[in-house]
C-alpha atoms as a PDB file:
ATOM      1  CA  MET A   1      42.746 237.146  10.932  1.00  0.00           C
ATOM      2  CA  LEU A   2      39.013 237.634  11.466  1.00  0.00           C
ATOM      3  CA  ALA A   3      39.806 240.878  13.305  1.00  0.00           C
ATOM      4  CA  PHE A   4      42.096 242.155  10.555  1.00  0.00           C
ATOM      5  CA  ALA A   5      39.556 241.321   7.837  1.00  0.00           C
ATOM      6  CA  ALA A   6      36.843 243.006   9.913  1.00  0.00           C
ATOM      7  CA  ASN A   7      38.725 246.312   9.656  1.00  0.00           C
ATOM      8  CA  SER A   8      37.886 246.416   5.958  1.00  0.00           C
ATOM      9  CA  LEU A   9      34.244 245.565   6.608  1.00  0.00           C
ATOM     10  CA  LEU A  10      33.827 248.135   9.386  1.00  0.00           C
ATOM     11  CA  CYS A  11      35.451 250.913   7.372  1.00  0.00           C
ATOM     12  CA  ARG A  12      33.443 250.175   4.231  1.00  0.00           C
ATOM     13  CA  LEU A  13      30.237 249.866   6.251  1.00  0.00           C
ATOM     14  CA  ALA A  14      30.887 253.279   7.834  1.00  0.00           C
ATOM     15  CA  LEU A  15      31.715 255.031   4.561  1.00  0.00           C
ATOM     16  CA  VAL A  16      29.273 253.453   2.122  1.00  0.00           C
ATOM     17  CA  GLU A  17      26.279 255.494   3.402  1.00  0.00           C
ATOM     18  CA  PRO A  18      28.321 257.550   4.447  1.00  0.00           C
ATOM     19  CA  ARG A  19      27.918 257.620   8.212  1.00  0.00           C
ATOM     20  CA  ILE A  20      31.253 259.326   8.881  1.00  0.00           C
ATOM     21  CA  ASP A  21      33.952 261.048   6.827  1.00  0.00           C
ATOM     22  CA  PRO A  22      37.222 259.146   6.247  1.00  0.00           C
ATOM     23  CA  ALA A  23      39.460 261.576   8.173  1.00  0.00           C
ATOM     24  CA  SER A  24      37.269 261.356  11.276  1.00  0.00           C
ATOM     25  CA  PHE A  25      37.086 257.575  10.929  1.00  0.00           C
ATOM     26  CA  GLY A  26      40.881 257.348  10.860  1.00  0.00           C
ATOM     27  CA  LEU A  27      41.286 259.696  13.832  1.00  0.00           C
ATOM     28  CA  LEU A  28      38.807 257.775  15.979  1.00  0.00           C
ATOM     29  CA  ARG A  29      40.338 254.452  14.937  1.00  0.00           C
ATOM     30  CA  LEU A  30      43.821 255.550  15.987  1.00  0.00           C
ATOM     31  CA  ALA A  31      42.692 257.274  19.198  1.00  0.00           C
ATOM     32  CA  SER A  32      40.571 254.354  20.411  1.00  0.00           C
ATOM     33  CA  GLY A  33      43.281 251.876  19.414  1.00  0.00           C
ATOM     34  CA  ALA A  34      45.898 253.904  21.291  1.00  0.00           C
ATOM     35  CA  LEU A  35      43.713 254.029  24.401  1.00  0.00           C
ATOM     36  CA  VAL A  36      43.032 250.278  24.479  1.00  0.00           C
ATOM     37  CA  LEU A  37      46.637 249.304  23.738  1.00  0.00           C
ATOM     38  CA  THR A  38      47.995 251.715  26.353  1.00  0.00           C
ATOM     39  CA  LEU A  39      45.639 250.358  29.005  1.00  0.00           C
ATOM     40  CA  ILE A  40      46.666 246.782  28.174  1.00  0.00           C
ATOM     41  CA  VAL A  41      50.372 247.636  28.287  1.00  0.00           C
ATOM     42  CA  ARG A  42      49.993 249.452  31.608  1.00  0.00           C
ATOM     43  CA  SER A  43      48.094 246.524  33.110  1.00  0.00           C
ATOM     44  CA  ARG A  44      50.944 244.111  32.502  1.00  0.00           C
ATOM     45  CA  ALA A  45      53.586 243.266  35.076  1.00  0.00           C
ATOM     46  CA  GLY A  46      56.721 245.373  34.902  1.00  0.00           C
ATOM     47  CA  VAL A  47      54.956 248.435  33.504  1.00  0.00           C
ATOM     48  CA  GLY A  48      57.693 250.642  34.854  1.00  0.00           C
ATOM     49  CA  THR A  49      60.247 249.131  32.500  1.00  0.00           C
ATOM     50  CA  THR A  50      58.088 249.068  29.401  1.00  0.00           C
ATOM     51  CA  ALA A  51      59.164 252.457  28.045  1.00  0.00           C
ATOM     52  CA  ALA A  52      62.807 251.507  28.180  1.00  0.00           C
ATOM     53  CA  ARG A  53      62.335 248.401  26.057  1.00  0.00           C
ATOM     54  CA  HIS A  54      61.894 250.204  22.761  1.00  0.00           C
ATOM     55  CA  ALA A  55      63.047 253.434  21.184  1.00  0.00           C
ATOM     56  CA  ILE A  56      60.506 256.008  20.029  1.00  0.00           C
ATOM     57  CA  ASP A  57      60.153 255.665  16.267  1.00  0.00           C
ATOM     58  CA  TRP A  58      58.431 258.656  14.693  1.00  0.00           C
ATOM     59  CA  LEU A  59      58.890 257.243  11.189  1.00  0.00           C
ATOM     60  CA  ALA A  60      56.968 254.134  12.202  1.00  0.00           C
ATOM     61  CA  ALA A  61      54.234 256.314  13.714  1.00  0.00           C
ATOM     62  CA  MET A  62      53.972 258.356  10.494  1.00  0.00           C
ATOM     63  CA  MET A  63      53.788 255.173   8.420  1.00  0.00           C
ATOM     64  CA  LEU A  64      50.985 253.933  10.679  1.00  0.00           C
ATOM     65  CA  PHE A  65      49.146 257.237  10.213  1.00  0.00           C
ATOM     66  CA  ALA A  66      49.651 257.087   6.425  1.00  0.00           C
ATOM     67  CA  TYR A  67      48.295 253.539   6.340  1.00  0.00           C
ATOM     68  CA  VAL A  68      45.170 254.393   8.362  1.00  0.00           C
ATOM     69  CA  ALA A  69      44.441 257.625   6.455  1.00  0.00           C
ATOM     70  CA  LEU A  70      44.958 256.166   2.972  1.00  0.00           C
ATOM     71  CA  PHE A  71      43.038 253.023   3.975  1.00  0.00           C
ATOM     72  CA  SER A  72      40.063 255.132   5.086  1.00  0.00           C
ATOM     73  CA  PHE A  73      39.965 257.316   1.969  1.00  0.00           C
ATOM     74  CA  ALA A  74      40.371 254.281  -0.314  1.00  0.00           C
ATOM     75  CA  TYR A  75      37.185 252.743   1.044  1.00  0.00           C
ATOM     76  CA  LEU A  76      35.144 255.666  -0.203  1.00  0.00           C
ATOM     77  CA  SER A  77      35.141 253.890  -3.569  1.00  0.00           C
ATOM     78  CA  LEU A  78      36.445 250.332  -3.108  1.00  0.00           C
ATOM     79  CA  SER A  79      34.522 247.267  -2.026  1.00  0.00           C
ATOM     80  CA  ALA A  80      35.752 245.547   1.140  1.00  0.00           C
ATOM     81  CA  SER A  81      37.004 242.512  -0.798  1.00  0.00           C
ATOM     82  CA  VAL A  82      38.914 244.427  -3.479  1.00  0.00           C
ATOM     83  CA  GLY A  83      40.400 246.793  -0.917  1.00  0.00           C
ATOM     84  CA  ALA A  84      41.641 243.943   1.292  1.00  0.00           C
ATOM     85  CA  LEU A  85      43.203 242.161  -1.688  1.00  0.00           C
ATOM     86  CA  ILE A  86      45.017 245.272  -2.953  1.00  0.00           C
ATOM     87  CA  LEU A  87      46.167 246.091   0.577  1.00  0.00           C
ATOM     88  CA  PHE A  88      47.522 242.595   1.233  1.00  0.00           C
ATOM     89  CA  GLY A  89      49.226 242.408  -2.154  1.00  0.00           C
ATOM     90  CA  ALA A  90      50.889 245.801  -1.704  1.00  0.00           C
ATOM     91  CA  VAL A  91      52.086 244.929   1.823  1.00  0.00           C
ATOM     92  CA  GLN A  92      53.662 241.657   0.737  1.00  0.00           C
ATOM     93  CA  LEU A  93      55.228 243.119  -2.429  1.00  0.00           C
ATOM     94  CA  THR A  94      56.734 245.953  -0.367  1.00  0.00           C
ATOM     95  CA  MET A  95      58.314 243.514   2.068  1.00  0.00           C
ATOM     96  CA  ILE A  96      59.545 241.243  -0.741  1.00  0.00           C
ATOM     97  CA  ALA A  97      61.082 244.265  -2.483  1.00  0.00           C
ATOM     98  CA  ALA A  98      62.837 245.183   0.773  1.00  0.00           C
ATOM     99  CA  GLY A  99      64.297 241.685   0.907  1.00  0.00           C
ATOM    100  CA  LEU A 100      65.593 241.952  -2.637  1.00  0.00           C
ATOM    101  CA  ARG A 101      67.090 245.367  -1.917  1.00  0.00           C
ATOM    102  CA  ALA A 102      68.842 243.917   1.137  1.00  0.00           C
ATOM    103  CA  GLY A 103      70.549 241.371  -1.100  1.00  0.00           C
ATOM    104  CA  GLU A 104      68.243 238.380  -0.719  1.00  0.00           C
ATOM    105  CA  ARG A 105      68.460 236.010  -3.681  1.00  0.00           C
ATOM    106  CA  PHE A 106      65.354 234.468  -5.174  1.00  0.00           C
ATOM    107  CA  ALA A 107      65.150 231.025  -6.732  1.00  0.00           C
ATOM    108  CA  PRO A 108      63.463 230.814 -10.180  1.00  0.00           C
ATOM    109  CA  ALA A 109      60.271 229.474  -8.595  1.00  0.00           C
ATOM    110  CA  ALA A 110      60.108 232.475  -6.259  1.00  0.00           C
ATOM    111  CA  TRP A 111      60.540 234.859  -9.192  1.00  0.00           C
ATOM    112  CA  ALA A 112      57.713 233.040 -10.975  1.00  0.00           C
ATOM    113  CA  GLY A 113      55.478 233.401  -7.921  1.00  0.00           C
ATOM    114  CA  LEU A 114      56.325 237.088  -7.615  1.00  0.00           C
ATOM    115  CA  ALA A 115      55.561 237.644 -11.308  1.00  0.00           C
ATOM    116  CA  MET A 116      52.222 235.847 -10.919  1.00  0.00           C
ATOM    117  CA  ALA A 117      51.279 238.045  -7.953  1.00  0.00           C
ATOM    118  CA  VAL A 118      52.192 241.240  -9.815  1.00  0.00           C
ATOM    119  CA  VAL A 119      50.258 240.170 -12.911  1.00  0.00           C
ATOM    120  CA  GLY A 120      47.240 239.382 -10.716  1.00  0.00           C
ATOM    121  CA  LEU A 121      47.404 242.807  -9.096  1.00  0.00           C
ATOM    122  CA  VAL A 122      47.713 244.540 -12.481  1.00  0.00           C
ATOM    123  CA  TYR A 123      44.782 242.518 -13.815  1.00  0.00           C
ATOM    124  CA  LEU A 124      42.647 243.449 -10.811  1.00  0.00           C
ATOM    125  CA  VAL A 125      43.067 247.204 -11.365  1.00  0.00           C
ATOM    126  CA  SER A 126      43.199 247.196 -15.192  1.00  0.00           C
ATOM    127  CA  PRO A 127      40.411 249.135 -16.984  1.00  0.00           C
ATOM    128  CA  GLY A 128      37.141 247.324 -17.523  1.00  0.00           C
ATOM    129  CA  LEU A 129      33.513 247.184 -16.470  1.00  0.00           C
ATOM    130  CA  THR A 130      34.340 245.574 -13.143  1.00  0.00           C
ATOM    131  CA  ALA A 131      37.588 247.420 -12.483  1.00  0.00           C
ATOM    132  CA  PRO A 132      37.827 249.230  -9.132  1.00  0.00           C
ATOM    133  CA  SER A 133      38.192 253.001  -8.889  1.00  0.00           C
ATOM    134  CA  ALA A 134      41.693 254.049 -10.013  1.00  0.00           C
ATOM    135  CA  ALA A 135      41.970 256.628  -7.212  1.00  0.00           C
ATOM    136  CA  GLY A 136      40.750 254.156  -4.611  1.00  0.00           C
ATOM    137  CA  ALA A 137      43.093 251.433  -5.843  1.00  0.00           C
ATOM    138  CA  ALA A 138      46.070 253.815  -5.818  1.00  0.00           C
ATOM    139  CA  SER A 139      45.216 255.005  -2.313  1.00  0.00           C
ATOM    140  CA  MET A 140      44.944 251.433  -1.019  1.00  0.00           C
ATOM    141  CA  ALA A 141      48.189 250.407  -2.733  1.00  0.00           C
ATOM    142  CA  LEU A 142      49.965 253.293  -0.995  1.00  0.00           C
ATOM    143  CA  ALA A 143      48.333 252.257   2.282  1.00  0.00           C
ATOM    144  CA  GLY A 144      49.754 248.773   1.772  1.00  0.00           C
ATOM    145  CA  ALA A 145      53.212 250.159   1.040  1.00  0.00           C
ATOM    146  CA  ALA A 146      53.041 252.269   4.219  1.00  0.00           C
ATOM    147  CA  TRP A 147      52.004 249.241   6.271  1.00  0.00           C
ATOM    148  CA  GLY A 148      54.822 247.224   4.716  1.00  0.00           C
ATOM    149  CA  VAL A 149      57.366 249.855   5.763  1.00  0.00           C
ATOM    150  CA  TYR A 150      55.768 249.999   9.219  1.00  0.00           C
ATOM    151  CA  SER A 151      56.095 246.223   9.555  1.00  0.00           C
ATOM    152  CA  LEU A 152      59.743 246.343   8.482  1.00  0.00           C
ATOM    153  CA  ARG A 153      60.444 249.049  11.052  1.00  0.00           C
ATOM    154  CA  GLY A 154      59.034 246.780  13.747  1.00  0.00           C
ATOM    155  CA  ARG A 155      61.351 243.846  13.099  1.00  0.00           C
ATOM    156  CA  GLY A 156      63.623 243.237  16.053  1.00  0.00           C
ATOM    157  CA  VAL A 157      61.538 245.299  18.497  1.00  0.00           C
ATOM    158  CA  VAL A 158      61.779 243.683  21.919  1.00  0.00           C
ATOM    159  CA  ASP A 159      58.282 244.615  23.127  1.00  0.00           C
ATOM    160  CA  ALA A 160      56.097 244.716  20.025  1.00  0.00           C
ATOM    161  CA  LEU A 161      52.890 245.440  21.923  1.00  0.00           C
ATOM    162  CA  ALA A 162      54.339 248.417  23.790  1.00  0.00           C
ATOM    163  CA  ALA A 163      55.874 249.753  20.576  1.00  0.00           C
ATOM    164  CA  THR A 164      52.523 249.427  18.806  1.00  0.00           C
ATOM    165  CA  ALA A 165      50.761 251.308  21.601  1.00  0.00           C
ATOM    166  CA  SER A 166      53.392 254.050  21.383  1.00  0.00           C
ATOM    167  CA  ASN A 167      53.062 254.319  17.603  1.00  0.00           C
ATOM    168  CA  PHE A 168      49.256 254.466  17.773  1.00  0.00           C
ATOM    169  CA  ALA A 169      49.451 257.288  20.320  1.00  0.00           C
ATOM    170  CA  ARG A 170      51.899 259.298  18.209  1.00  0.00           C
ATOM    171  CA  ALA A 171      49.914 258.717  15.010  1.00  0.00           C
ATOM    172  CA  VAL A 172      46.934 260.483  16.594  1.00  0.00           C
ATOM    173  CA  LEU A 173      48.644 263.889  16.201  1.00  0.00           C
ATOM    174  CA  PRO A 174      48.941 263.890  12.353  1.00  0.00           C
ATOM    175  CA  ALA A 175      45.466 262.312  12.177  1.00  0.00           C
ATOM    176  CA  LEU A 176      44.107 265.243  14.193  1.00  0.00           C
ATOM    177  CA  VAL A 177      45.855 267.682  11.853  1.00  0.00           C
ATOM    178  CA  LEU A 178      44.270 265.942   8.842  1.00  0.00           C
ATOM    179  CA  SER A 179      40.840 266.092  10.462  1.00  0.00           C
ATOM    180  CA  LEU A 180      41.207 269.820  11.133  1.00  0.00           C
ATOM    181  CA  ALA A 181      42.407 270.405   7.560  1.00  0.00           C
ATOM    182  CA  THR A 182      39.304 268.651   6.192  1.00  0.00           C
ATOM    183  CA  ILE A 183      36.856 269.914   8.808  1.00  0.00           C
ATOM    184  CA  GLY A 184      34.675 271.401   6.090  1.00  0.00           C
ATOM    185  CA  TYR A 185      33.856 267.856   4.954  1.00  0.00           C
ATOM    186  CA  ALA A 186      33.448 266.424   8.457  1.00  0.00           C
ATOM    187  CA  ALA A 187      30.259 264.515   9.192  1.00  0.00           C
ATOM    188  CA  ALA A 188      29.401 261.702  11.559  1.00  0.00           C
ATOM    189  CA  ASP A 189      26.448 260.022  13.172  1.00  0.00           C
ATOM    190  CA  GLY A 190      26.306 257.681  16.140  1.00  0.00           C
ATOM    191  CA  VAL A 191      26.646 254.539  14.035  1.00  0.00           C
ATOM    192  CA  GLY A 192      29.656 255.902  12.150  1.00  0.00           C
ATOM    193  CA  ILE A 193      31.401 256.868  15.381  1.00  0.00           C
ATOM    194  CA  ALA A 194      30.657 253.441  16.893  1.00  0.00           C
ATOM    195  CA  LEU A 195      32.055 251.658  13.814  1.00  0.00           C
ATOM    196  CA  ALA A 196      35.252 253.746  13.916  1.00  0.00           C
ATOM    197  CA  ILE A 197      35.764 253.069  17.632  1.00  0.00           C
ATOM    198  CA  ALA A 198      35.106 249.360  17.103  1.00  0.00           C
ATOM    199  CA  SER A 199      37.711 249.315  14.333  1.00  0.00           C
ATOM    200  CA  GLY A 200      40.266 250.949  16.616  1.00  0.00           C
ATOM    201  CA  ALA A 201      39.541 249.399  19.995  1.00  0.00           C
ATOM    202  CA  LEU A 202      38.467 245.893  18.959  1.00  0.00           C
ATOM    203  CA  THR A 203      39.670 244.818  15.521  1.00  0.00           C
ATOM    204  CA  SER A 204      42.871 246.893  15.712  1.00  0.00           C
ATOM    205  CA  GLY A 205      43.736 247.133  19.427  1.00  0.00           C
ATOM    206  CA  ILE A 206      42.469 243.767  20.696  1.00  0.00           C
ATOM    207  CA  GLY A 207      43.275 242.219  17.316  1.00  0.00           C
ATOM    208  CA  TYR A 208      46.966 243.062  17.674  1.00  0.00           C
ATOM    209  CA  VAL A 209      47.032 241.687  21.229  1.00  0.00           C
ATOM    210  CA  ILE A 210      45.656 238.361  19.983  1.00  0.00           C
ATOM    211  CA  TRP A 211      48.031 238.354  17.007  1.00  0.00           C
ATOM    212  CA  TYR A 212      51.134 238.969  19.116  1.00  0.00           C
ATOM    213  CA  SER A 213      50.025 236.189  21.487  1.00  0.00           C
ATOM    214  CA  ALA A 214      49.522 233.809  18.574  1.00  0.00           C
ATOM    215  CA  LEU A 215      52.924 234.638  17.102  1.00  0.00           C
ATOM    216  CA  ARG A 216      54.637 232.995  20.056  1.00  0.00           C
ATOM    217  CA  GLY A 217      53.404 229.607  18.831  1.00  0.00           C
ATOM    218  CA  LEU A 218      53.892 230.138  15.084  1.00  0.00           C
ATOM    219  CA  THR A 219      56.922 229.819  12.883  1.00  0.00           C
ATOM    220  CA  ALA A 220      57.647 232.719  10.534  1.00  0.00           C
ATOM    221  CA  MET A 221      56.354 230.642   7.605  1.00  0.00           C
ATOM    222  CA  ARG A 222      53.098 229.748   9.343  1.00  0.00           C
ATOM    223  CA  ALA A 223      52.576 233.337  10.484  1.00  0.00           C
ATOM    224  CA  ALA A 224      53.048 234.608   6.924  1.00  0.00           C
ATOM    225  CA  SER A 225      50.897 231.835   5.449  1.00  0.00           C
ATOM    226  CA  VAL A 226      47.959 232.363   7.798  1.00  0.00           C
ATOM    227  CA  GLN A 227      47.757 235.988   6.670  1.00  0.00           C
ATOM    228  CA  LEU A 228      46.795 234.703   3.217  1.00  0.00           C
ATOM    229  CA  SER A 229      43.359 234.079   4.720  1.00  0.00           C
ATOM    230  CA  VAL A 230      42.615 237.795   5.314  1.00  0.00           C
ATOM    231  CA  PRO A 231      41.484 238.756   1.758  1.00  0.00           C
ATOM    232  CA  PRO A 232      39.203 235.702   1.363  1.00  0.00           C
ATOM    233  CA  ILE A 233      37.643 236.352   4.784  1.00  0.00           C
ATOM    234  CA  ALA A 234      37.074 239.999   3.839  1.00  0.00           C
ATOM    235  CA  ALA A 235      35.584 238.935   0.497  1.00  0.00           C
ATOM    236  CA  LEU A 236      33.189 236.514   2.205  1.00  0.00           C
ATOM    237  CA  GLY A 237      32.226 239.182   4.729  1.00  0.00           C
ATOM    238  CA  GLY A 238      31.664 241.687   1.937  1.00  0.00           C
ATOM    239  CA  VAL A 239      29.287 239.294   0.193  1.00  0.00           C
ATOM    240  CA  LEU A 240      27.377 238.334   3.358  1.00  0.00           C
ATOM    241  CA  VAL A 241      27.332 241.654   5.226  1.00  0.00           C
ATOM    242  CA  LEU A 242      27.529 244.292   2.496  1.00  0.00           C
ATOM    243  CA  SER A 243      25.942 242.340  -0.390  1.00  0.00           C
ATOM    244  CA  GLU A 244      29.001 242.969  -2.561  1.00  0.00           C
ATOM    245  CA  PRO A 245      29.235 241.038  -5.850  1.00  0.00           C
ATOM    246  CA  LEU A 246      31.840 238.294  -6.154  1.00  0.00           C
ATOM    247  CA  THR A 247      33.106 238.979  -9.689  1.00  0.00           C
ATOM    248  CA  SER A 248      35.177 236.668 -11.869  1.00  0.00           C
ATOM    249  CA  ARG A 249      37.858 239.368 -12.004  1.00  0.00           C
ATOM    250  CA  LEU A 250      38.177 239.294  -8.215  1.00  0.00           C
ATOM    251  CA  VAL A 251      38.305 235.493  -8.084  1.00  0.00           C
ATOM    252  CA  ILE A 252      40.992 235.234 -10.794  1.00  0.00           C
ATOM    253  CA  ALA A 253      43.067 238.084  -9.359  1.00  0.00           C
ATOM    254  CA  SER A 254      42.807 236.601  -5.857  1.00  0.00           C
ATOM    255  CA  ALA A 255      44.059 233.232  -7.077  1.00  0.00           C
ATOM    256  CA  ALA A 256      47.010 234.849  -8.868  1.00  0.00           C
ATOM    257  CA  ILE A 257      47.999 237.251  -6.073  1.00  0.00           C
ATOM    258  CA  LEU A 258      47.559 234.901  -3.128  1.00  0.00           C
ATOM    259  CA  GLY A 259      48.907 231.901  -5.024  1.00  0.00           C
ATOM    260  CA  GLY A 260      51.963 233.809  -6.199  1.00  0.00           C
ATOM    261  CA  ILE A 261      52.767 235.129  -2.745  1.00  0.00           C
ATOM    262  CA  ALA A 262      52.273 231.643  -1.274  1.00  0.00           C
ATOM    263  CA  VAL A 263      54.858 230.295  -3.734  1.00  0.00           C
ATOM    264  CA  VAL A 264      57.352 233.009  -2.733  1.00  0.00           C
ATOM    265  CA  LEU A 265      56.823 232.292   0.979  1.00  0.00           C
ATOM    266  CA  LEU A 266      57.211 228.540   0.496  1.00  0.00           C
ATOM    267  CA  VAL A 267      60.391 228.838  -1.582  1.00  0.00           C
ATOM    268  CA  ARG A 268      61.915 231.323   0.872  1.00  0.00           C
ATOM    269  CA  ALA A 269      61.118 229.041   3.816  1.00  0.00           C
ATOM    270  CA  ARG A 270      62.781 226.078   2.102  1.00  0.00           C
ATOM    271  CA  SER A 271      65.808 228.192   1.274  1.00  0.00           C
ATOM    272  CA  VAL A 272      66.158 229.240   4.925  1.00  0.00           C
ATOM    273  CA  LYS A 273      65.992 225.603   6.064  1.00  0.00           C
ATOM    274  CA  ARG A 274      68.760 224.638   3.631  1.00  0.00           C
END
């Protein structure tokens, strides 16, 4: 979770000066992540059978690209803490909506938790002196929706790490096209490039390796619950590293969004047990 929260900090740190443009940041993040993940997959035993374990999923790769691109552009105007909270809320709401569409039935308590999370998200982006940029918030919400769809596409994949490496590699192509389309705005210094590579190789590539290893010892409920820690970690990092203000709006919205989603997860877990 520290690695996932660090993605927000690294991106914001790179763009706040700015030290690199968002399209180049996204391209380098995907390319370095693809390289590290591919090397890790190839180093494992049975590398010859890895490709046969999962089907190529171009839709998943495009969703990954959309997430990274929208994420990068959103942090032109959002703080690390607000961006992480909007992203997490949008991801979870997308996956909950998919469950409802698939016919899942919610208990009244789960509906109450969902309503609380939605109200918290609306409050966070509603107009006011401390409201985040509307364009940035919309971009991050779309990034969260794309990541939610990407996560749903990955359910049931036999070799999640190999599939992730494949998707990162394929997402590089549209990221390169975006970078060429915005080449007139391209700019980068050594620090910006280093931050983008760190985001791809370390907090994305190595971060996913650690996450997939941890998943083997976690129940679905615990895995979902531990992800609630990402926005608070990002908020703390934003305050300590980027000197971002911790506003009352952010605190209240965080309590509503994270608390509401926690209620939904808890009720769903109890329903599954029954």
